[in-house]
């Protein structure tokens, strides 16, 4: 099979996957998104509904493509229960360690300050559940179907790089500058390598979730959309934009670039 034909085989499958998901998701999300546009806001439970529907439709889309196009079992997507708790614990440990390392470095530099903590408990639970749904949704999409499809046709290295690029582009609408895009690419690479190292989605799901959970509902740092912070106000960043991330938030910081690189090197050292 030539390189061009391999690219084509991967591309049309991934394109069909995204189109099918959009076709299934759009009508279910429309009532909430229309209300969101009218009012300029969204309730925590409505956000949870949107994230749950996105997750359900991406899983259904993956099942349809795997069953009728790729002709392989759904279990190959990465949801084997054999090492669920071991891999999830690894993802939690890596995600929490990297996040707290970044936070510690920001604190040592005097770029993070605490202020009077505020927790809005009626938002905390639904937003936390929404973030969990979002993490599973994104990992099924990018490390599940996209990475694995590219891997089948173009090999592992190409799959890691290209799927990380797609992940960065998917989130690029709010990115400001090259550093934010680089961090998105590195985050996609970290999640992708967690999948390749373990052979399952549990580790990248746990890693993805714990990072967002600490960033939003726990510490209330800028980075996630306002409605995914759970009403928390605990920490604020101060300093130059290349340190704080500016309008993009926490993930646009060079400190996060460093910690993501450390995570990739660490995973490679353990599993490479």
C-alpha atoms as a PDB file:
ATOM      1  CA  UNK A   1       0.000   0.000   0.000  1.00  0.00           C
ATOM      2  CA  UNK A   2       1.468   3.389  -0.993  1.00  0.00           C
ATOM      3  CA  UNK A   3       1.759   6.306   1.406  1.00  0.00           C
ATOM      4  CA  UNK A   4      -0.931   8.222  -0.496  1.00  0.00           C
ATOM      5  CA  UNK A   5      -3.404   5.367  -0.319  1.00  0.00           C
ATOM      6  CA  UNK A   6      -2.654   4.893   3.399  1.00  0.00           C
ATOM      7  CA  UNK A   7      -3.329   8.583   4.043  1.00  0.00           C
ATOM      8  CA  UNK A   8      -6.581   8.327   2.083  1.00  0.00           C
ATOM      9  CA  UNK A   9      -7.736   5.211   3.971  1.00  0.00           C
ATOM     10  CA  UNK A  10      -7.157   6.889   7.335  1.00  0.00           C
ATOM     11  CA  UNK A  11      -8.584  10.266   6.243  1.00  0.00           C
ATOM     12  CA  UNK A  12     -11.944   9.131   4.904  1.00  0.00           C
ATOM     13  CA  UNK A  13     -12.573   6.946   7.951  1.00  0.00           C
ATOM     14  CA  UNK A  14     -11.787   9.783  10.353  1.00  0.00           C
ATOM     15  CA  UNK A  15     -13.830  12.214   8.265  1.00  0.00           C
ATOM     16  CA  UNK A  16     -16.807   9.826   8.341  1.00  0.00           C
ATOM     17  CA  UNK A  17     -16.362   9.422  12.097  1.00  0.00           C
ATOM     18  CA  UNK A  18     -16.550  13.185  12.719  1.00  0.00           C
ATOM     19  CA  UNK A  19     -19.494  13.646  10.350  1.00  0.00           C
ATOM     20  CA  UNK A  20     -21.445  10.801  11.925  1.00  0.00           C
ATOM     21  CA  UNK A  21     -20.830  12.190  15.393  1.00  0.00           C
ATOM     22  CA  UNK A  22     -21.932  15.691  14.333  1.00  0.00           C
ATOM     23  CA  UNK A  23     -25.086  14.219  12.731  1.00  0.00           C
ATOM     24  CA  UNK A  24     -25.989  12.361  15.941  1.00  0.00           C
ATOM     25  CA  UNK A  25     -24.988  15.095  18.392  1.00  0.00           C
ATOM     26  CA  UNK A  26     -26.401  18.237  16.761  1.00  0.00           C
ATOM     27  CA  UNK A  27     -30.156  17.577  17.118  1.00  0.00           C
ATOM     28  CA  UNK A  28     -29.797  16.459  20.733  1.00  0.00           C
ATOM     29  CA  UNK A  29     -27.708  19.509  21.647  1.00  0.00           C
ATOM     30  CA  UNK A  30     -29.722  22.084  19.687  1.00  0.00           C
ATOM     31  CA  UNK A  31     -32.312  22.978  22.398  1.00  0.00           C
ATOM     32  CA  UNK A  32     -29.569  23.698  24.944  1.00  0.00           C
ATOM     33  CA  UNK A  33     -27.240  25.558  22.578  1.00  0.00           C
ATOM     34  CA  UNK A  34     -30.082  27.774  21.316  1.00  0.00           C
ATOM     35  CA  UNK A  35     -30.979  28.712  24.886  1.00  0.00           C
ATOM     36  CA  UNK A  36     -27.260  29.311  25.562  1.00  0.00           C
ATOM     37  CA  UNK A  37     -27.084  31.731  22.619  1.00  0.00           C
ATOM     38  CA  UNK A  38     -30.194  33.600  23.799  1.00  0.00           C
ATOM     39  CA  UNK A  39     -29.225  33.980  27.455  1.00  0.00           C
ATOM     40  CA  UNK A  40     -25.418  34.095  27.155  1.00  0.00           C
ATOM     41  CA  UNK A  41     -25.052  31.454  29.878  1.00  0.00           C
ATOM     42  CA  UNK A  42     -25.707  27.840  30.698  1.00  0.00           C
ATOM     43  CA  UNK A  43     -26.650  26.060  33.917  1.00  0.00           C
ATOM     44  CA  UNK A  44     -24.384  23.348  35.373  1.00  0.00           C
ATOM     45  CA  UNK A  45     -26.974  20.648  34.749  1.00  0.00           C
ATOM     46  CA  UNK A  46     -27.449  21.780  31.159  1.00  0.00           C
ATOM     47  CA  UNK A  47     -23.683  21.624  30.691  1.00  0.00           C
ATOM     48  CA  UNK A  48     -23.676  18.113  32.128  1.00  0.00           C
ATOM     49  CA  UNK A  49     -26.431  17.161  29.684  1.00  0.00           C
ATOM     50  CA  UNK A  50     -24.398  18.480  26.727  1.00  0.00           C
ATOM     51  CA  UNK A  51     -21.245  16.639  27.819  1.00  0.00           C
ATOM     52  CA  UNK A  52     -23.162  13.409  28.445  1.00  0.00           C
ATOM     53  CA  UNK A  53     -24.848  13.599  25.041  1.00  0.00           C
ATOM     54  CA  UNK A  54     -21.490  14.304  23.376  1.00  0.00           C
ATOM     55  CA  UNK A  55     -20.027  11.252  25.116  1.00  0.00           C
ATOM     56  CA  UNK A  56     -22.948   8.964  24.270  1.00  0.00           C
ATOM     57  CA  UNK A  57     -22.931   9.982  20.594  1.00  0.00           C
ATOM     58  CA  UNK A  58     -19.137   9.680  20.201  1.00  0.00           C
ATOM     59  CA  UNK A  59     -19.235   6.175  21.691  1.00  0.00           C
ATOM     60  CA  UNK A  60     -22.109   5.249  19.360  1.00  0.00           C
ATOM     61  CA  UNK A  61     -20.218   6.699  16.377  1.00  0.00           C
ATOM     62  CA  UNK A  62     -17.101   4.708  17.286  1.00  0.00           C
ATOM     63  CA  UNK A  63     -19.148   1.514  17.657  1.00  0.00           C
ATOM     64  CA  UNK A  64     -20.787   2.005  14.246  1.00  0.00           C
ATOM     65  CA  UNK A  65     -17.462   2.674  12.478  1.00  0.00           C
ATOM     66  CA  UNK A  66     -15.669  -0.175  14.234  1.00  0.00           C
ATOM     67  CA  UNK A  67     -18.488  -2.641  13.580  1.00  0.00           C
ATOM     68  CA  UNK A  68     -19.432  -1.819  10.000  1.00  0.00           C
ATOM     69  CA  UNK A  69     -16.390  -0.120   8.459  1.00  0.00           C
ATOM     70  CA  UNK A  70     -13.265  -1.276  10.288  1.00  0.00           C
ATOM     71  CA  UNK A  71     -14.680  -4.701  11.152  1.00  0.00           C
ATOM     72  CA  UNK A  72     -13.112  -5.000  14.587  1.00  0.00           C
ATOM     73  CA  UNK A  73     -14.589  -5.438  18.085  1.00  0.00           C
ATOM     74  CA  UNK A  74     -15.529  -2.379  20.106  1.00  0.00           C
ATOM     75  CA  UNK A  75     -13.323  -3.682  22.943  1.00  0.00           C
ATOM     76  CA  UNK A  76     -10.246  -2.900  20.815  1.00  0.00           C
ATOM     77  CA  UNK A  77     -10.963   0.803  21.301  1.00  0.00           C
ATOM     78  CA  UNK A  78      -9.311   0.550  24.713  1.00  0.00           C
ATOM     79  CA  UNK A  79     -11.964  -0.273  27.292  1.00  0.00           C
ATOM     80  CA  UNK A  80     -10.715  -3.649  28.475  1.00  0.00           C
ATOM     81  CA  UNK A  81     -11.404  -4.044  32.200  1.00  0.00           C
ATOM     82  CA  UNK A  82      -8.374  -6.273  32.860  1.00  0.00           C
ATOM     83  CA  UNK A  83      -6.162  -3.435  34.124  1.00  0.00           C
ATOM     84  CA  UNK A  84      -8.772  -0.718  34.627  1.00  0.00           C
ATOM     85  CA  UNK A  85      -7.858   0.301  38.186  1.00  0.00           C
ATOM     86  CA  UNK A  86      -4.104   0.005  37.681  1.00  0.00           C
ATOM     87  CA  UNK A  87      -4.147   2.171  34.547  1.00  0.00           C
ATOM     88  CA  UNK A  88      -6.626   4.687  35.990  1.00  0.00           C
ATOM     89  CA  UNK A  89      -4.494   5.047  39.116  1.00  0.00           C
ATOM     90  CA  UNK A  90      -1.430   5.632  36.945  1.00  0.00           C
ATOM     91  CA  UNK A  91      -3.282   8.343  35.017  1.00  0.00           C
ATOM     92  CA  UNK A  92      -4.445  10.050  38.226  1.00  0.00           C
ATOM     93  CA  UNK A  93      -0.931   9.946  39.678  1.00  0.00           C
ATOM     94  CA  UNK A  94       0.700  11.370  36.545  1.00  0.00           C
ATOM     95  CA  UNK A  95      -1.948  14.055  36.032  1.00  0.00           C
ATOM     96  CA  UNK A  96      -1.936  15.214  39.664  1.00  0.00           C
ATOM     97  CA  UNK A  97       1.866  15.201  39.854  1.00  0.00           C
ATOM     98  CA  UNK A  98       2.304  17.279  36.707  1.00  0.00           C
ATOM     99  CA  UNK A  99      -0.432  19.740  37.630  1.00  0.00           C
ATOM    100  CA  UNK A 100       0.887  20.257  41.158  1.00  0.00           C
ATOM    101  CA  UNK A 101       4.444  20.577  39.808  1.00  0.00           C
ATOM    102  CA  UNK A 102       3.305  23.392  37.510  1.00  0.00           C
ATOM    103  CA  UNK A 103       1.429  25.033  40.372  1.00  0.00           C
ATOM    104  CA  UNK A 104       4.455  24.740  42.677  1.00  0.00           C
ATOM    105  CA  UNK A 105       6.752  26.332  40.092  1.00  0.00           C
ATOM    106  CA  UNK A 106       4.299  29.183  39.611  1.00  0.00           C
ATOM    107  CA  UNK A 107       4.146  29.624  43.381  1.00  0.00           C
ATOM    108  CA  UNK A 108       7.930  29.636  43.744  1.00  0.00           C
ATOM    109  CA  UNK A 109       8.135  32.359  41.116  1.00  0.00           C
ATOM    110  CA  UNK A 110       5.492  34.447  42.869  1.00  0.00           C
ATOM    111  CA  UNK A 111       3.121  34.171  39.911  1.00  0.00           C
ATOM    112  CA  UNK A 112       0.187  32.613  41.751  1.00  0.00           C
ATOM    113  CA  UNK A 113      -1.759  34.119  44.613  1.00  0.00           C
ATOM    114  CA  UNK A 114      -4.515  32.767  46.816  1.00  0.00           C
ATOM    115  CA  UNK A 115      -7.556  34.797  47.677  1.00  0.00           C
ATOM    116  CA  UNK A 116     -10.603  34.140  49.795  1.00  0.00           C
ATOM    117  CA  UNK A 117     -11.799  30.710  48.701  1.00  0.00           C
ATOM    118  CA  UNK A 118     -15.282  30.430  47.282  1.00  0.00           C
ATOM    119  CA  UNK A 119     -16.998  27.106  46.574  1.00  0.00           C
ATOM    120  CA  UNK A 120     -20.444  27.007  45.019  1.00  0.00           C
ATOM    121  CA  UNK A 121     -21.412  23.506  46.040  1.00  0.00           C
ATOM    122  CA  UNK A 122     -24.526  23.213  43.903  1.00  0.00           C
ATOM    123  CA  UNK A 123     -22.274  23.750  40.850  1.00  0.00           C
ATOM    124  CA  UNK A 124     -19.350  21.607  42.000  1.00  0.00           C
ATOM    125  CA  UNK A 125     -20.963  18.167  41.525  1.00  0.00           C
ATOM    126  CA  UNK A 126     -22.581  18.607  38.083  1.00  0.00           C
ATOM    127  CA  UNK A 127     -19.531  20.423  36.700  1.00  0.00           C
ATOM    128  CA  UNK A 128     -17.203  17.702  38.001  1.00  0.00           C
ATOM    129  CA  UNK A 129     -19.377  15.066  36.330  1.00  0.00           C
ATOM    130  CA  UNK A 130     -19.461  17.164  33.152  1.00  0.00           C
ATOM    131  CA  UNK A 131     -15.647  17.273  33.131  1.00  0.00           C
ATOM    132  CA  UNK A 132     -15.515  13.498  33.547  1.00  0.00           C
ATOM    133  CA  UNK A 133     -17.862  13.047  30.573  1.00  0.00           C
ATOM    134  CA  UNK A 134     -15.801  15.529  28.567  1.00  0.00           C
ATOM    135  CA  UNK A 135     -12.555  13.700  29.342  1.00  0.00           C
ATOM    136  CA  UNK A 136     -13.992  10.346  28.249  1.00  0.00           C
ATOM    137  CA  UNK A 137     -15.496  11.977  25.143  1.00  0.00           C
ATOM    138  CA  UNK A 138     -12.197  13.519  24.066  1.00  0.00           C
ATOM    139  CA  UNK A 139     -10.167  10.385  24.724  1.00  0.00           C
ATOM    140  CA  UNK A 140     -12.592   8.191  22.771  1.00  0.00           C
ATOM    141  CA  UNK A 141     -12.415  10.706  19.925  1.00  0.00           C
ATOM    142  CA  UNK A 142      -8.691  11.415  19.757  1.00  0.00           C
ATOM    143  CA  UNK A 143      -6.822   8.572  21.453  1.00  0.00           C
ATOM    144  CA  UNK A 144      -9.540   6.096  20.625  1.00  0.00           C
ATOM    145  CA  UNK A 145     -10.724   6.278  17.051  1.00  0.00           C
ATOM    146  CA  UNK A 146      -8.461   8.953  15.512  1.00  0.00           C
ATOM    147  CA  UNK A 147      -5.102   7.762  16.856  1.00  0.00           C
ATOM    148  CA  UNK A 148      -5.880   4.092  16.323  1.00  0.00           C
ATOM    149  CA  UNK A 149      -7.094   4.621  12.764  1.00  0.00           C
ATOM    150  CA  UNK A 150      -3.968   6.566  11.838  1.00  0.00           C
ATOM    151  CA  UNK A 151      -1.843   3.931  13.599  1.00  0.00           C
ATOM    152  CA  UNK A 152      -3.395   1.158  11.520  1.00  0.00           C
ATOM    153  CA  UNK A 153      -2.582   2.871   8.231  1.00  0.00           C
ATOM    154  CA  UNK A 154       0.479   5.041   8.953  1.00  0.00           C
ATOM    155  CA  UNK A 155       2.228   3.540  11.963  1.00  0.00           C
ATOM    156  CA  UNK A 156       2.620   4.460  15.617  1.00  0.00           C
ATOM    157  CA  UNK A 157       4.910   7.512  15.347  1.00  0.00           C
ATOM    158  CA  UNK A 158       2.735   9.120  12.685  1.00  0.00           C
ATOM    159  CA  UNK A 159      -0.377   8.335  14.712  1.00  0.00           C
ATOM    160  CA  UNK A 160       0.982  10.034  17.844  1.00  0.00           C
ATOM    161  CA  UNK A 161       2.098  13.163  15.988  1.00  0.00           C
ATOM    162  CA  UNK A 162      -0.927  13.531  13.710  1.00  0.00           C
ATOM    163  CA  UNK A 163      -3.550  12.784  16.375  1.00  0.00           C
ATOM    164  CA  UNK A 164      -1.861  15.320  18.676  1.00  0.00           C
ATOM    165  CA  UNK A 165      -2.027  17.858  15.859  1.00  0.00           C
ATOM    166  CA  UNK A 166      -5.737  17.175  15.345  1.00  0.00           C
ATOM    167  CA  UNK A 167      -6.253  17.528  19.114  1.00  0.00           C
ATOM    168  CA  UNK A 168      -4.485  20.917  19.098  1.00  0.00           C
ATOM    169  CA  UNK A 169      -6.522  22.144  16.122  1.00  0.00           C
ATOM    170  CA  UNK A 170      -9.767  21.015  17.779  1.00  0.00           C
ATOM    171  CA  UNK A 171      -8.959  23.304  20.739  1.00  0.00           C
ATOM    172  CA  UNK A 172      -7.323  26.098  18.754  1.00  0.00           C
ATOM    173  CA  UNK A 173     -10.380  28.353  18.643  1.00  0.00           C
ATOM    174  CA  UNK A 174      -9.520  29.845  22.036  1.00  0.00           C
ATOM    175  CA  UNK A 175      -5.724  29.580  21.710  1.00  0.00           C
ATOM    176  CA  UNK A 176      -3.720  32.784  21.640  1.00  0.00           C
ATOM    177  CA  UNK A 177      -0.227  32.465  20.200  1.00  0.00           C
ATOM    178  CA  UNK A 178       2.191  29.696  19.426  1.00  0.00           C
ATOM    179  CA  UNK A 179       2.893  28.726  23.031  1.00  0.00           C
ATOM    180  CA  UNK A 180      -0.740  27.811  23.668  1.00  0.00           C
ATOM    181  CA  UNK A 181      -0.835  25.697  20.496  1.00  0.00           C
ATOM    182  CA  UNK A 182       2.443  24.021  21.458  1.00  0.00           C
ATOM    183  CA  UNK A 183       1.027  23.142  24.866  1.00  0.00           C
ATOM    184  CA  UNK A 184      -2.114  21.727  23.288  1.00  0.00           C
ATOM    185  CA  UNK A 185       0.063  19.590  21.020  1.00  0.00           C
ATOM    186  CA  UNK A 186       2.195  18.430  23.974  1.00  0.00           C
ATOM    187  CA  UNK A 187      -0.934  17.622  26.002  1.00  0.00           C
ATOM    188  CA  UNK A 188      -2.275  15.568  23.102  1.00  0.00           C
ATOM    189  CA  UNK A 189       1.083  13.803  22.867  1.00  0.00           C
ATOM    190  CA  UNK A 190       1.076  13.086  26.610  1.00  0.00           C
ATOM    191  CA  UNK A 191      -2.426  11.613  26.485  1.00  0.00           C
ATOM    192  CA  UNK A 192      -1.521   9.697  23.335  1.00  0.00           C
ATOM    193  CA  UNK A 193       1.625   8.251  24.845  1.00  0.00           C
ATOM    194  CA  UNK A 194      -0.315   7.242  27.967  1.00  0.00           C
ATOM    195  CA  UNK A 195      -2.595   5.248  25.650  1.00  0.00           C
ATOM    196  CA  UNK A 196       0.297   3.704  23.706  1.00  0.00           C
ATOM    197  CA  UNK A 197       2.160   2.830  26.920  1.00  0.00           C
ATOM    198  CA  UNK A 198      -0.804   1.038  28.501  1.00  0.00           C
ATOM    199  CA  UNK A 199      -2.784  -0.126  25.471  1.00  0.00           C
ATOM    200  CA  UNK A 200      -6.004   1.258  26.945  1.00  0.00           C
ATOM    201  CA  UNK A 201      -7.959   4.489  27.375  1.00  0.00           C
ATOM    202  CA  UNK A 202      -8.222   4.367  31.168  1.00  0.00           C
ATOM    203  CA  UNK A 203      -4.859   6.062  31.807  1.00  0.00           C
ATOM    204  CA  UNK A 204      -5.365   8.999  29.398  1.00  0.00           C
ATOM    205  CA  UNK A 205      -8.960   9.460  30.597  1.00  0.00           C
ATOM    206  CA  UNK A 206      -7.840   9.616  34.228  1.00  0.00           C
ATOM    207  CA  UNK A 207      -4.892  11.895  33.399  1.00  0.00           C
ATOM    208  CA  UNK A 208      -7.081  14.239  31.351  1.00  0.00           C
ATOM    209  CA  UNK A 209      -9.809  14.355  33.973  1.00  0.00           C
ATOM    210  CA  UNK A 210      -7.634  14.928  37.032  1.00  0.00           C
ATOM    211  CA  UNK A 211      -5.808  17.813  35.342  1.00  0.00           C
ATOM    212  CA  UNK A 212      -9.071  19.559  34.400  1.00  0.00           C
ATOM    213  CA  UNK A 213     -10.658  18.740  37.761  1.00  0.00           C
ATOM    214  CA  UNK A 214      -7.792  20.330  39.694  1.00  0.00           C
ATOM    215  CA  UNK A 215      -7.648  23.290  37.328  1.00  0.00           C
ATOM    216  CA  UNK A 216     -11.350  24.101  37.370  1.00  0.00           C
ATOM    217  CA  UNK A 217     -13.559  22.836  40.221  1.00  0.00           C
ATOM    218  CA  UNK A 218     -10.739  22.595  42.796  1.00  0.00           C
ATOM    219  CA  UNK A 219      -8.496  25.649  42.241  1.00  0.00           C
ATOM    220  CA  UNK A 220     -10.560  27.775  39.840  1.00  0.00           C
ATOM    221  CA  UNK A 221      -7.593  28.701  37.643  1.00  0.00           C
ATOM    222  CA  UNK A 222      -8.169  30.445  34.302  1.00  0.00           C
ATOM    223  CA  UNK A 223      -8.057  28.052  31.363  1.00  0.00           C
ATOM    224  CA  UNK A 224     -11.309  26.135  31.310  1.00  0.00           C
ATOM    225  CA  UNK A 225     -14.497  27.848  30.120  1.00  0.00           C
ATOM    226  CA  UNK A 226     -16.129  29.803  32.946  1.00  0.00           C
ATOM    227  CA  UNK A 227     -19.071  27.405  33.190  1.00  0.00           C
ATOM    228  CA  UNK A 228     -16.684  24.463  33.786  1.00  0.00           C
ATOM    229  CA  UNK A 229     -14.984  25.946  36.852  1.00  0.00           C
ATOM    230  CA  UNK A 230     -17.677  24.768  39.207  1.00  0.00           C
ATOM    231  CA  UNK A 231     -18.054  28.172  40.826  1.00  0.00           C
ATOM    232  CA  UNK A 232     -14.649  27.910  42.508  1.00  0.00           C
ATOM    233  CA  UNK A 233     -12.527  30.974  43.209  1.00  0.00           C
ATOM    234  CA  UNK A 234      -9.334  30.079  45.012  1.00  0.00           C
ATOM    235  CA  UNK A 235      -6.205  30.990  43.039  1.00  0.00           C
ATOM    236  CA  UNK A 236      -5.288  33.696  40.551  1.00  0.00           C
ATOM    237  CA  UNK A 237      -2.253  34.095  38.313  1.00  0.00           C
ATOM    238  CA  UNK A 238      -0.205  37.262  37.979  1.00  0.00           C
ATOM    239  CA  UNK A 239       2.808  38.129  35.878  1.00  0.00           C
ATOM    240  CA  UNK A 240       3.823  38.260  32.216  1.00  0.00           C
ATOM    241  CA  UNK A 241       1.608  36.573  29.649  1.00  0.00           C
ATOM    242  CA  UNK A 242       4.191  33.913  28.775  1.00  0.00           C
ATOM    243  CA  UNK A 243       4.050  32.820  32.433  1.00  0.00           C
ATOM    244  CA  UNK A 244       0.333  33.166  33.152  1.00  0.00           C
ATOM    245  CA  UNK A 245      -0.960  32.192  29.720  1.00  0.00           C
ATOM    246  CA  UNK A 246      -2.774  35.502  29.313  1.00  0.00           C
ATOM    247  CA  UNK A 247      -6.325  35.304  28.015  1.00  0.00           C
ATOM    248  CA  UNK A 248      -5.897  31.619  27.126  1.00  0.00           C
ATOM    249  CA  UNK A 249      -5.292  30.757  30.753  1.00  0.00           C
ATOM    250  CA  UNK A 250      -3.154  28.276  32.630  1.00  0.00           C
ATOM    251  CA  UNK A 251      -2.420  25.997  29.653  1.00  0.00           C
ATOM    252  CA  UNK A 252      -0.772  28.863  27.780  1.00  0.00           C
ATOM    253  CA  UNK A 253       2.066  29.151  30.309  1.00  0.00           C
ATOM    254  CA  UNK A 254       5.679  28.196  29.586  1.00  0.00           C
ATOM    255  CA  UNK A 255       5.622  26.505  33.000  1.00  0.00           C
ATOM    256  CA  UNK A 256       3.020  24.099  31.642  1.00  0.00           C
ATOM    257  CA  UNK A 257       5.207  23.559  28.556  1.00  0.00           C
ATOM    258  CA  UNK A 258       7.982  22.434  30.901  1.00  0.00           C
ATOM    259  CA  UNK A 259       5.779  20.145  33.005  1.00  0.00           C
ATOM    260  CA  UNK A 260       4.197  18.497  29.940  1.00  0.00           C
ATOM    261  CA  UNK A 261       7.678  17.849  28.549  1.00  0.00           C
ATOM    262  CA  UNK A 262       8.684  16.348  31.905  1.00  0.00           C
ATOM    263  CA  UNK A 263       5.613  14.109  31.772  1.00  0.00           C
ATOM    264  CA  UNK A 264       6.426  12.876  28.278  1.00  0.00           C
ATOM    265  CA  UNK A 265      10.038  12.168  29.200  1.00  0.00           C
ATOM    266  CA  UNK A 266       8.932  10.400  32.376  1.00  0.00           C
ATOM    267  CA  UNK A 267       6.422   8.186  30.581  1.00  0.00           C
ATOM    268  CA  UNK A 268       8.986   7.355  27.919  1.00  0.00           C
ATOM    269  CA  UNK A 269      11.486   6.446  30.634  1.00  0.00           C
ATOM    270  CA  UNK A 270       8.961   4.148  32.304  1.00  0.00           C
ATOM    271  CA  UNK A 271       7.355   2.565  29.248  1.00  0.00           C
ATOM    272  CA  UNK A 272       9.611   3.355  26.286  1.00  0.00           C
END
